[in-house]
C-alpha atoms as a PDB file:
ATOM      1  CA  MET A   1      43.274  37.381 -59.235  1.00  0.00           C
ATOM      2  CA  ALA A   2      40.836  34.588 -58.346  1.00  0.00           C
ATOM      3  CA  THR A   3      38.448  33.637 -61.077  1.00  0.00           C
ATOM      4  CA  ALA A   4      34.713  33.098 -60.535  1.00  0.00           C
ATOM      5  CA  THR A   5      35.241  29.367 -60.934  1.00  0.00           C
ATOM      6  CA  THR A   6      37.902  29.364 -58.238  1.00  0.00           C
ATOM      7  CA  VAL A   7      35.586  31.145 -55.831  1.00  0.00           C
ATOM      8  CA  GLU A   8      32.825  28.663 -56.572  1.00  0.00           C
ATOM      9  CA  GLU A   9      35.154  25.766 -55.884  1.00  0.00           C
ATOM     10  CA  LYS A  10      36.068  27.228 -52.502  1.00  0.00           C
ATOM     11  CA  GLN A  11      32.519  28.027 -51.383  1.00  0.00           C
ATOM     12  CA  ALA A  12      29.525  26.187 -52.770  1.00  0.00           C
ATOM     13  CA  HIS A  13      26.310  28.120 -53.312  1.00  0.00           C
ATOM     14  CA  PRO A  14      23.854  27.066 -50.566  1.00  0.00           C
ATOM     15  CA  LEU A  15      21.344  25.746 -53.117  1.00  0.00           C
ATOM     16  CA  SER A  16      23.855  23.832 -55.219  1.00  0.00           C
ATOM     17  CA  ARG A  17      23.944  20.050 -55.208  1.00  0.00           C
ATOM     18  CA  ARG A  18      27.340  20.123 -53.542  1.00  0.00           C
ATOM     19  CA  ALA A  19      26.039  22.205 -50.631  1.00  0.00           C
ATOM     20  CA  GLN A  20      22.791  20.252 -50.252  1.00  0.00           C
ATOM     21  CA  GLY A  21      24.666  16.968 -49.942  1.00  0.00           C
ATOM     22  CA  ASN A  22      23.274  13.441 -50.143  1.00  0.00           C
ATOM     23  CA  SER A  23      21.231  13.285 -46.942  1.00  0.00           C
ATOM     24  CA  PHE A  24      17.513  12.721 -47.441  1.00  0.00           C
ATOM     25  CA  ASN A  25      14.935  15.275 -46.412  1.00  0.00           C
ATOM     26  CA  THR A  26      13.082  12.588 -44.467  1.00  0.00           C
ATOM     27  CA  ILE A  27       9.683  14.287 -44.164  1.00  0.00           C
ATOM     28  CA  THR A  28       9.589  15.190 -47.848  1.00  0.00           C
ATOM     29  CA  LEU A  29      10.637  11.696 -48.874  1.00  0.00           C
ATOM     30  CA  LEU A  30       7.966  10.051 -46.706  1.00  0.00           C
ATOM     31  CA  PHE A  31       5.251  12.272 -48.157  1.00  0.00           C
ATOM     32  CA  LEU A  32       6.401  11.522 -51.705  1.00  0.00           C
ATOM     33  CA  ILE A  33       6.324   7.780 -51.021  1.00  0.00           C
ATOM     34  CA  LEU A  34       2.845   8.096 -49.496  1.00  0.00           C
ATOM     35  CA  PHE A  35       1.453  10.093 -52.408  1.00  0.00           C
ATOM     36  CA  HIS A  36       2.958   7.805 -55.047  1.00  0.00           C
ATOM     37  CA  ALA A  37       1.469   4.797 -53.257  1.00  0.00           C
ATOM     38  CA  GLY A  38      -1.898   6.576 -53.129  1.00  0.00           C
ATOM     39  CA  ALA A  39      -1.665   7.377 -56.838  1.00  0.00           C
ATOM     40  CA  ILE A  40      -1.147   3.702 -57.653  1.00  0.00           C
ATOM     41  CA  ALA A  41      -4.022   2.746 -55.347  1.00  0.00           C
ATOM     42  CA  ALA A  42      -6.290   5.168 -57.210  1.00  0.00           C
ATOM     43  CA  LEU A  43      -6.054   2.942 -60.289  1.00  0.00           C
ATOM     44  CA  PHE A  44      -7.962   0.252 -58.355  1.00  0.00           C
ATOM     45  CA  PHE A  45     -10.753   2.722 -57.473  1.00  0.00           C
ATOM     46  CA  PHE A  46     -11.526   3.978 -60.969  1.00  0.00           C
ATOM     47  CA  ASN A  47     -14.561   6.229 -61.067  1.00  0.00           C
ATOM     48  CA  TRP A  48     -15.499   8.611 -63.908  1.00  0.00           C
ATOM     49  CA  LYS A  49     -16.803  11.259 -61.531  1.00  0.00           C
ATOM     50  CA  ALA A  50     -13.530  11.091 -59.623  1.00  0.00           C
ATOM     51  CA  VAL A  51     -11.554  11.461 -62.851  1.00  0.00           C
ATOM     52  CA  ILE A  52     -13.584  14.527 -63.886  1.00  0.00           C
ATOM     53  CA  ILE A  53     -13.097  16.112 -60.456  1.00  0.00           C
ATOM     54  CA  THR A  54      -9.385  15.339 -60.735  1.00  0.00           C
ATOM     55  CA  ALA A  55      -9.179  17.107 -64.107  1.00  0.00           C
ATOM     56  CA  VAL A  56     -10.938  20.188 -62.738  1.00  0.00           C
ATOM     57  CA  LEU A  57      -8.715  20.279 -59.653  1.00  0.00           C
ATOM     58  CA  TYR A  58      -5.634  19.808 -61.857  1.00  0.00           C
ATOM     59  CA  PHE A  59      -6.605  22.937 -63.800  1.00  0.00           C
ATOM     60  CA  ILE A  60      -7.244  24.852 -60.579  1.00  0.00           C
ATOM     61  CA  GLY A  61      -4.016  23.735 -58.906  1.00  0.00           C
ATOM     62  CA  ILE A  62      -1.506  23.653 -61.766  1.00  0.00           C
ATOM     63  CA  ASN A  63      -2.821  26.133 -64.324  1.00  0.00           C
ATOM     64  CA  LEU A  64      -4.448  28.746 -62.112  1.00  0.00           C
ATOM     65  CA  GLY A  65      -2.457  28.170 -58.935  1.00  0.00           C
ATOM     66  CA  ILE A  66       1.123  27.361 -59.931  1.00  0.00           C
ATOM     67  CA  CYS A  67       1.455  28.700 -63.479  1.00  0.00           C
ATOM     68  CA  VAL A  68      -0.810  31.758 -63.428  1.00  0.00           C
ATOM     69  CA  GLY A  69      -0.399  32.505 -59.711  1.00  0.00           C
ATOM     70  CA  TYR A  70       2.954  31.380 -58.294  1.00  0.00           C
ATOM     71  CA  HIS A  71       4.906  31.690 -61.530  1.00  0.00           C
ATOM     72  CA  ARG A  72       3.675  34.414 -63.855  1.00  0.00           C
ATOM     73  CA  LEU A  73       2.122  36.661 -61.182  1.00  0.00           C
ATOM     74  CA  LEU A  74       4.171  36.332 -57.998  1.00  0.00           C
ATOM     75  CA  THR A  75       7.612  35.326 -59.263  1.00  0.00           C
ATOM     76  CA  HIS A  76       7.890  37.361 -62.467  1.00  0.00           C
ATOM     77  CA  ARG A  77       5.194  39.986 -61.884  1.00  0.00           C
ATOM     78  CA  GLY A  78       4.109  39.690 -65.501  1.00  0.00           C
ATOM     79  CA  TYR A  79       0.747  41.285 -64.740  1.00  0.00           C
ATOM     80  CA  LYS A  80      -1.219  42.753 -61.851  1.00  0.00           C
ATOM     81  CA  VAL A  81      -4.546  41.775 -60.292  1.00  0.00           C
ATOM     82  CA  PRO A  82      -6.579  42.977 -57.302  1.00  0.00           C
ATOM     83  CA  ARG A  83      -5.314  41.684 -53.973  1.00  0.00           C
ATOM     84  CA  PHE A  84      -8.264  39.346 -53.400  1.00  0.00           C
ATOM     85  CA  LEU A  85      -7.632  37.630 -56.747  1.00  0.00           C
ATOM     86  CA  LYS A  86      -3.900  37.349 -56.102  1.00  0.00           C
ATOM     87  CA  TYR A  87      -4.609  35.636 -52.804  1.00  0.00           C
ATOM     88  CA  LEU A  88      -7.159  33.338 -54.424  1.00  0.00           C
ATOM     89  CA  LEU A  89      -4.776  32.260 -57.206  1.00  0.00           C
ATOM     90  CA  VAL A  90      -1.904  31.678 -54.803  1.00  0.00           C
ATOM     91  CA  THR A  91      -4.128  29.676 -52.443  1.00  0.00           C
ATOM     92  CA  CYS A  92      -5.020  27.461 -55.408  1.00  0.00           C
ATOM     93  CA  GLY A  93      -1.291  26.865 -55.836  1.00  0.00           C
ATOM     94  CA  THR A  94      -1.025  25.285 -52.390  1.00  0.00           C
ATOM     95  CA  LEU A  95      -3.320  22.471 -53.556  1.00  0.00           C
ATOM     96  CA  THR A  96      -0.388  20.953 -55.472  1.00  0.00           C
ATOM     97  CA  LEU A  97       1.826  20.188 -52.462  1.00  0.00           C
ATOM     98  CA  GLU A  98       4.623  22.296 -53.965  1.00  0.00           C
ATOM     99  CA  GLY A  99       5.066  24.300 -50.785  1.00  0.00           C
ATOM    100  CA  GLY A 100       4.117  27.833 -49.915  1.00  0.00           C
ATOM    101  CA  PRO A 101       4.689  30.882 -52.113  1.00  0.00           C
ATOM    102  CA  LEU A 102       7.789  32.063 -50.237  1.00  0.00           C
ATOM    103  CA  TYR A 103      10.092  29.127 -50.956  1.00  0.00           C
ATOM    104  CA  TRP A 104       8.631  28.580 -54.434  1.00  0.00           C
ATOM    105  CA  VAL A 105       9.308  32.168 -55.472  1.00  0.00           C
ATOM    106  CA  VAL A 106      12.827  32.268 -54.020  1.00  0.00           C
ATOM    107  CA  ASN A 107      13.852  29.014 -55.692  1.00  0.00           C
ATOM    108  CA  HIS A 108      12.558  30.180 -59.040  1.00  0.00           C
ATOM    109  CA  ARG A 109      14.125  33.623 -58.849  1.00  0.00           C
ATOM    110  CA  VAL A 110      17.480  32.056 -57.977  1.00  0.00           C
ATOM    111  CA  HIS A 111      16.990  29.667 -60.901  1.00  0.00           C
ATOM    112  CA  HIS A 112      16.561  32.580 -63.296  1.00  0.00           C
ATOM    113  CA  GLN A 113      19.534  34.506 -61.996  1.00  0.00           C
ATOM    114  CA  LEU A 114      21.844  31.471 -62.101  1.00  0.00           C
ATOM    115  CA  THR A 115      20.223  29.344 -64.784  1.00  0.00           C
ATOM    116  CA  ASP A 116      22.282  26.233 -65.517  1.00  0.00           C
ATOM    117  CA  ARG A 117      25.220  27.613 -63.566  1.00  0.00           C
ATOM    118  CA  HIS A 118      26.575  26.972 -60.112  1.00  0.00           C
ATOM    119  CA  GLY A 119      23.812  27.782 -57.631  1.00  0.00           C
ATOM    120  CA  ASP A 120      20.851  26.947 -59.865  1.00  0.00           C
ATOM    121  CA  PRO A 121      18.712  24.791 -57.510  1.00  0.00           C
ATOM    122  CA  HIS A 122      17.728  22.299 -60.219  1.00  0.00           C
ATOM    123  CA  THR A 123      19.945  22.405 -63.280  1.00  0.00           C
ATOM    124  CA  PRO A 124      20.282  19.168 -65.293  1.00  0.00           C
ATOM    125  CA  ARG A 125      23.999  19.892 -65.438  1.00  0.00           C
ATOM    126  CA  GLU A 126      23.999  18.427 -61.926  1.00  0.00           C
ATOM    127  CA  GLY A 127      22.180  15.342 -63.256  1.00  0.00           C
ATOM    128  CA  GLY A 128      18.810  14.638 -64.816  1.00  0.00           C
ATOM    129  CA  TRP A 129      17.405  13.003 -61.684  1.00  0.00           C
ATOM    130  CA  TRP A 130      18.660  15.863 -59.530  1.00  0.00           C
ATOM    131  CA  SER A 131      16.898  18.453 -61.712  1.00  0.00           C
ATOM    132  CA  HIS A 132      13.670  16.462 -61.717  1.00  0.00           C
ATOM    133  CA  ALA A 133      13.191  15.402 -58.093  1.00  0.00           C
ATOM    134  CA  GLY A 134      16.538  15.036 -56.376  1.00  0.00           C
ATOM    135  CA  TRP A 135      16.747  18.723 -55.459  1.00  0.00           C
ATOM    136  CA  VAL A 136      13.477  18.298 -53.506  1.00  0.00           C
ATOM    137  CA  ILE A 137      14.368  15.009 -51.825  1.00  0.00           C
ATOM    138  CA  TYR A 138      17.909  15.793 -50.712  1.00  0.00           C
ATOM    139  CA  GLY A 139      19.168  18.450 -48.329  1.00  0.00           C
ATOM    140  CA  LYS A 140      17.340  21.187 -46.469  1.00  0.00           C
ATOM    141  CA  GLY A 141      16.644  23.546 -49.357  1.00  0.00           C
ATOM    142  CA  LEU A 142      15.779  27.054 -48.188  1.00  0.00           C
ATOM    143  CA  SER A 143      14.697  26.096 -44.676  1.00  0.00           C
ATOM    144  CA  ILE A 144      17.887  27.523 -43.140  1.00  0.00           C
ATOM    145  CA  GLU A 145      18.744  30.154 -45.767  1.00  0.00           C
ATOM    146  CA  SER A 146      17.248  33.317 -44.271  1.00  0.00           C
ATOM    147  CA  GLU A 147      19.740  35.551 -46.090  1.00  0.00           C
ATOM    148  CA  LEU A 148      18.739  34.206 -49.503  1.00  0.00           C
ATOM    149  CA  ILE A 149      15.073  34.610 -48.635  1.00  0.00           C
ATOM    150  CA  ARG A 150      15.539  38.258 -47.633  1.00  0.00           C
ATOM    151  CA  LYS A 151      17.496  38.928 -50.811  1.00  0.00           C
ATOM    152  CA  TYR A 152      15.171  37.287 -53.308  1.00  0.00           C
ATOM    153  CA  ALA A 153      11.694  37.734 -51.842  1.00  0.00           C
ATOM    154  CA  PRO A 154      11.307  41.022 -49.925  1.00  0.00           C
ATOM    155  CA  ASP A 155       7.896  41.487 -51.563  1.00  0.00           C
ATOM    156  CA  ILE A 156       6.655  38.149 -50.218  1.00  0.00           C
ATOM    157  CA  LEU A 157       8.088  38.812 -46.750  1.00  0.00           C
ATOM    158  CA  ALA A 158       6.169  42.096 -46.623  1.00  0.00           C
ATOM    159  CA  ASP A 159       2.801  40.439 -47.313  1.00  0.00           C
ATOM    160  CA  ARG A 160       1.138  39.018 -44.196  1.00  0.00           C
ATOM    161  CA  TYR A 161      -1.248  36.705 -46.038  1.00  0.00           C
ATOM    162  CA  LEU A 162       1.455  35.239 -48.279  1.00  0.00           C
ATOM    163  CA  MET A 163       3.653  34.620 -45.244  1.00  0.00           C
ATOM    164  CA  LEU A 164       0.769  32.990 -43.365  1.00  0.00           C
ATOM    165  CA  LEU A 165       0.033  30.840 -46.385  1.00  0.00           C
ATOM    166  CA  SER A 166       3.703  29.920 -46.659  1.00  0.00           C
ATOM    167  CA  GLU A 167       3.686  28.659 -43.077  1.00  0.00           C
ATOM    168  CA  TYR A 168       0.387  26.775 -43.322  1.00  0.00           C
ATOM    169  CA  HIS A 169       0.461  25.860 -47.018  1.00  0.00           C
ATOM    170  CA  TRP A 170      -0.692  22.312 -46.228  1.00  0.00           C
ATOM    171  CA  MET A 171      -4.030  23.367 -44.730  1.00  0.00           C
ATOM    172  CA  PRO A 172      -6.008  24.019 -47.956  1.00  0.00           C
ATOM    173  CA  LEU A 173      -5.022  20.571 -49.234  1.00  0.00           C
ATOM    174  CA  VAL A 174      -6.059  18.893 -45.969  1.00  0.00           C
ATOM    175  CA  ILE A 175      -9.417  20.687 -46.041  1.00  0.00           C
ATOM    176  CA  LEU A 176      -9.924  19.658 -49.661  1.00  0.00           C
ATOM    177  CA  ALA A 177      -9.053  16.056 -48.807  1.00  0.00           C
ATOM    178  CA  ILE A 178     -11.689  15.976 -46.054  1.00  0.00           C
ATOM    179  CA  VAL A 179     -14.335  17.443 -48.364  1.00  0.00           C
ATOM    180  CA  LEU A 180     -13.538  14.953 -51.128  1.00  0.00           C
ATOM    181  CA  TYR A 181     -13.671  11.977 -48.780  1.00  0.00           C
ATOM    182  CA  LEU A 182     -16.990  13.075 -47.276  1.00  0.00           C
ATOM    183  CA  THR A 183     -18.566  13.609 -50.701  1.00  0.00           C
ATOM    184  CA  GLY A 184     -17.115  10.697 -52.670  1.00  0.00           C
ATOM    185  CA  SER A 185     -15.253   8.409 -50.261  1.00  0.00           C
ATOM    186  CA  TRP A 186     -12.028   6.691 -51.381  1.00  0.00           C
ATOM    187  CA  PRO A 187     -12.328   7.200 -55.174  1.00  0.00           C
ATOM    188  CA  PHE A 188     -12.621  10.990 -54.781  1.00  0.00           C
ATOM    189  CA  LEU A 189      -9.833  11.109 -52.206  1.00  0.00           C
ATOM    190  CA  LEU A 190      -7.385   8.870 -54.050  1.00  0.00           C
ATOM    191  CA  TRP A 191      -7.935  10.495 -57.444  1.00  0.00           C
ATOM    192  CA  GLY A 192      -8.554  14.094 -56.391  1.00  0.00           C
ATOM    193  CA  ILE A 193      -5.672  14.237 -53.920  1.00  0.00           C
ATOM    194  CA  PHE A 194      -3.090  11.471 -54.308  1.00  0.00           C
ATOM    195  CA  PHE A 195      -3.198  10.812 -58.055  1.00  0.00           C
ATOM    196  CA  ARG A 196      -3.615  14.480 -58.986  1.00  0.00           C
ATOM    197  CA  VAL A 197      -0.875  15.758 -56.673  1.00  0.00           C
ATOM    198  CA  THR A 198       1.602  13.093 -57.785  1.00  0.00           C
ATOM    199  CA  LEU A 199       0.916  13.851 -61.449  1.00  0.00           C
ATOM    200  CA  SER A 200       1.142  17.599 -60.782  1.00  0.00           C
ATOM    201  CA  LEU A 201       4.509  17.275 -59.084  1.00  0.00           C
ATOM    202  CA  HIS A 202       6.064  15.348 -61.956  1.00  0.00           C
ATOM    203  CA  VAL A 203       4.572  17.679 -64.551  1.00  0.00           C
ATOM    204  CA  THR A 204       6.030  20.702 -62.756  1.00  0.00           C
ATOM    205  CA  TRP A 205       9.397  18.988 -62.327  1.00  0.00           C
ATOM    206  CA  LEU A 206       9.489  18.262 -66.066  1.00  0.00           C
ATOM    207  CA  VAL A 207       9.820  22.005 -66.634  1.00  0.00           C
ATOM    208  CA  ASN A 208      12.968  21.956 -64.480  1.00  0.00           C
ATOM    209  CA  SER A 209      14.435  18.842 -66.090  1.00  0.00           C
ATOM    210  CA  ALA A 210      13.082  18.029 -69.570  1.00  0.00           C
ATOM    211  CA  THR A 211      12.939  21.585 -70.915  1.00  0.00           C
ATOM    212  CA  HIS A 212      16.615  22.049 -70.099  1.00  0.00           C
ATOM    213  CA  ILE A 213      17.583  18.796 -71.852  1.00  0.00           C
ATOM    214  CA  TRP A 214      15.365  18.235 -74.925  1.00  0.00           C
ATOM    215  CA  GLY A 215      13.604  20.427 -77.450  1.00  0.00           C
ATOM    216  CA  SER A 216      14.382  23.319 -79.775  1.00  0.00           C
ATOM    217  CA  ARG A 217      15.972  26.696 -79.108  1.00  0.00           C
ATOM    218  CA  ARG A 218      14.566  29.792 -80.770  1.00  0.00           C
ATOM    219  CA  PHE A 219      16.657  32.252 -78.755  1.00  0.00           C
ATOM    220  CA  SER A 220      20.368  32.008 -77.958  1.00  0.00           C
ATOM    221  CA  THR A 221      19.939  32.487 -74.218  1.00  0.00           C
ATOM    222  CA  HIS A 222      22.921  31.929 -71.918  1.00  0.00           C
ATOM    223  CA  ASP A 223      21.511  28.663 -70.576  1.00  0.00           C
ATOM    224  CA  ASP A 224      20.155  25.315 -71.761  1.00  0.00           C
ATOM    225  CA  SER A 225      16.462  26.265 -71.854  1.00  0.00           C
ATOM    226  CA  ARG A 226      14.437  24.706 -74.663  1.00  0.00           C
ATOM    227  CA  ASN A 227      10.939  24.721 -76.107  1.00  0.00           C
ATOM    228  CA  LEU A 228       9.300  21.322 -75.641  1.00  0.00           C
ATOM    229  CA  TRP A 229       5.788  20.952 -77.006  1.00  0.00           C
ATOM    230  CA  TRP A 230       4.632  17.994 -74.899  1.00  0.00           C
ATOM    231  CA  VAL A 231       5.641  19.690 -71.641  1.00  0.00           C
ATOM    232  CA  ALA A 232       3.749  22.774 -72.842  1.00  0.00           C
ATOM    233  CA  LEU A 233       0.721  20.573 -73.439  1.00  0.00           C
ATOM    234  CA  LEU A 234       0.900  19.059 -69.929  1.00  0.00           C
ATOM    235  CA  THR A 235       1.465  22.389 -68.177  1.00  0.00           C
ATOM    236  CA  GLY A 236      -0.681  24.710 -70.237  1.00  0.00           C
ATOM    237  CA  GLY A 237       2.240  26.594 -71.773  1.00  0.00           C
ATOM    238  CA  GLU A 238       5.228  26.346 -69.427  1.00  0.00           C
ATOM    239  CA  GLY A 239       7.030  24.078 -71.880  1.00  0.00           C
ATOM    240  CA  TRP A 240       7.859  27.032 -74.135  1.00  0.00           C
ATOM    241  CA  HIS A 241      10.776  27.426 -71.788  1.00  0.00           C
ATOM    242  CA  ASN A 242      13.345  28.939 -74.125  1.00  0.00           C
ATOM    243  CA  ASN A 243      10.802  31.663 -74.934  1.00  0.00           C
ATOM    244  CA  HIS A 244      10.323  32.199 -71.214  1.00  0.00           C
ATOM    245  CA  HIS A 245      14.021  32.503 -70.448  1.00  0.00           C
ATOM    246  CA  ALA A 246      14.397  34.981 -73.294  1.00  0.00           C
ATOM    247  CA  TYR A 247      11.521  37.096 -71.917  1.00  0.00           C
ATOM    248  CA  PRO A 248      11.075  36.147 -68.217  1.00  0.00           C
ATOM    249  CA  ALA A 249       8.659  38.976 -67.380  1.00  0.00           C
ATOM    250  CA  SER A 250       6.306  38.168 -70.233  1.00  0.00           C
ATOM    251  CA  ALA A 251       2.943  36.794 -69.107  1.00  0.00           C
ATOM    252  CA  ARG A 252       2.784  35.086 -72.482  1.00  0.00           C
ATOM    253  CA  HIS A 253       5.108  32.135 -73.150  1.00  0.00           C
ATOM    254  CA  GLY A 254       3.687  30.821 -76.400  1.00  0.00           C
ATOM    255  CA  LEU A 255       4.860  33.396 -78.946  1.00  0.00           C
ATOM    256  CA  THR A 256       3.234  32.026 -82.089  1.00  0.00           C
ATOM    257  CA  TRP A 257      -0.276  30.885 -82.947  1.00  0.00           C
ATOM    258  CA  TYR A 258       0.715  27.212 -82.760  1.00  0.00           C
ATOM    259  CA  GLU A 259       2.380  27.449 -79.325  1.00  0.00           C
ATOM    260  CA  TYR A 260      -0.440  26.406 -77.008  1.00  0.00           C
ATOM    261  CA  ASP A 261      -0.483  28.622 -73.908  1.00  0.00           C
ATOM    262  CA  LEU A 262      -3.608  27.989 -71.843  1.00  0.00           C
ATOM    263  CA  ASN A 263      -2.127  29.885 -68.887  1.00  0.00           C
ATOM    264  CA  TYR A 264      -1.802  33.062 -70.927  1.00  0.00           C
ATOM    265  CA  TYR A 265      -5.348  32.634 -72.227  1.00  0.00           C
ATOM    266  CA  CYS A 266      -6.507  32.649 -68.598  1.00  0.00           C
ATOM    267  CA  ILE A 267      -4.628  35.903 -67.961  1.00  0.00           C
ATOM    268  CA  TRP A 268      -6.014  37.342 -71.206  1.00  0.00           C
ATOM    269  CA  VAL A 269      -9.569  36.559 -70.073  1.00  0.00           C
ATOM    270  CA  LEU A 270      -8.870  38.219 -66.721  1.00  0.00           C
ATOM    271  CA  GLY A 271      -7.712  41.269 -68.643  1.00  0.00           C
ATOM    272  CA  LYS A 272     -10.879  41.371 -70.726  1.00  0.00           C
ATOM    273  CA  LEU A 273     -12.911  41.138 -67.504  1.00  0.00           C
ATOM    274  CA  GLY A 274     -11.015  44.083 -66.050  1.00  0.00           C
ATOM    275  CA  LEU A 275      -9.390  41.908 -63.382  1.00  0.00           C
ATOM    276  CA  ALA A 276      -5.848  41.926 -64.804  1.00  0.00           C
ATOM    277  CA  ARG A 277      -3.879  44.974 -65.880  1.00  0.00           C
ATOM    278  CA  GLN A 278      -0.366  45.887 -66.990  1.00  0.00           C
ATOM    279  CA  ILE A 279      -0.053  42.536 -68.736  1.00  0.00           C
ATOM    280  CA  HIS A 280       3.479  42.269 -70.112  1.00  0.00           C
ATOM    281  CA  THR A 281       3.648  40.306 -73.358  1.00  0.00           C
ATOM    282  CA  ALA A 282       6.653  39.617 -75.549  1.00  0.00           C
ATOM    283  CA  SER A 283       6.243  39.747 -79.309  1.00  0.00           C
ATOM    284  CA  LEU A 284       8.162  37.525 -81.680  1.00  0.00           C
ATOM    285  CA  PRO A 285      10.270  39.247 -84.363  1.00  0.00           C
ATOM    286  CA  ALA A 286       9.557  37.659 -87.735  1.00  0.00           C
ATOM    287  CA  HIS A 287      13.187  36.657 -88.322  1.00  0.00           C
ATOM    288  CA  GLN A 288      13.236  34.654 -85.103  1.00  0.00           C
ATOM    289  CA  ASP A 289      10.343  32.345 -85.925  1.00  0.00           C
ATOM    290  CA  VAL A 290      12.877  29.706 -86.924  1.00  0.00           C
ATOM    291  CA  LYS A 291      15.425  27.513 -85.194  1.00  0.00           C
ATOM    292  CA  LEU A 292      18.867  28.963 -84.761  1.00  0.00           C
ATOM    293  CA  PRO A 293      21.561  27.702 -87.143  1.00  0.00           C
ATOM    294  CA  GLY A 294      22.983  24.399 -85.983  1.00  0.00           C
ATOM    295  CA  GLU A 295      20.053  23.581 -83.625  1.00  0.00           C
END
């Protein structure tokens, strides 16, 4: 009888490093080079107003858009909101240049099913650089994997707005760029778009790479996920990654008072305002508020 390993050796999972190969995704690479160059240029156009706008847009794009919208709402369905608010949060997510909701959700759902095993799109077991940015730069990703998309995201495929946004995910960012340039010229554009997006990308990628390499493990999950405080600080709570892999559907990742989780606080406020309901939250058993033996 063939073992699972033998099968994997014969046929690589379409999202594995082996299947993606070493050919560059040229368009993605060019955009990354452009945005990194723009981020460096922003340092020569320092402007306090631009920095403040950048901070606000970072919160809107990363915390509300990616973490609260793409991740905890769409991917894991950790809570429910009215349709207009769901669309608003997800639209905010497109301001980070992380693609539309369709591919983002599929990649992350595959990651959770195959975490740190063959087929995980960005496991550090394939290399630290691969897990951080290589999986985005190389190969074609999900662009030709219609079967995987149908399997992992039927809910997204059934939503006309989310599909439209997935196809034209670049438009909100272009509109924002025009507005920033018209209101604050180059400082606003370079800081609010290029610097912010570049920072946002690396911060998000740190969840894929750093929190599967460094940090502590509270739960003995069947993967390498770890809790890493400084990634939690940068992302508003996504760095409590071992907690998250233990309770994926929980809208709350920080399980103790000292585990900063700004993204959950946002969901909590929405709940108090009557805009979020059925908020799933994991609770921490008292005996697990310690590191596991040998960690």
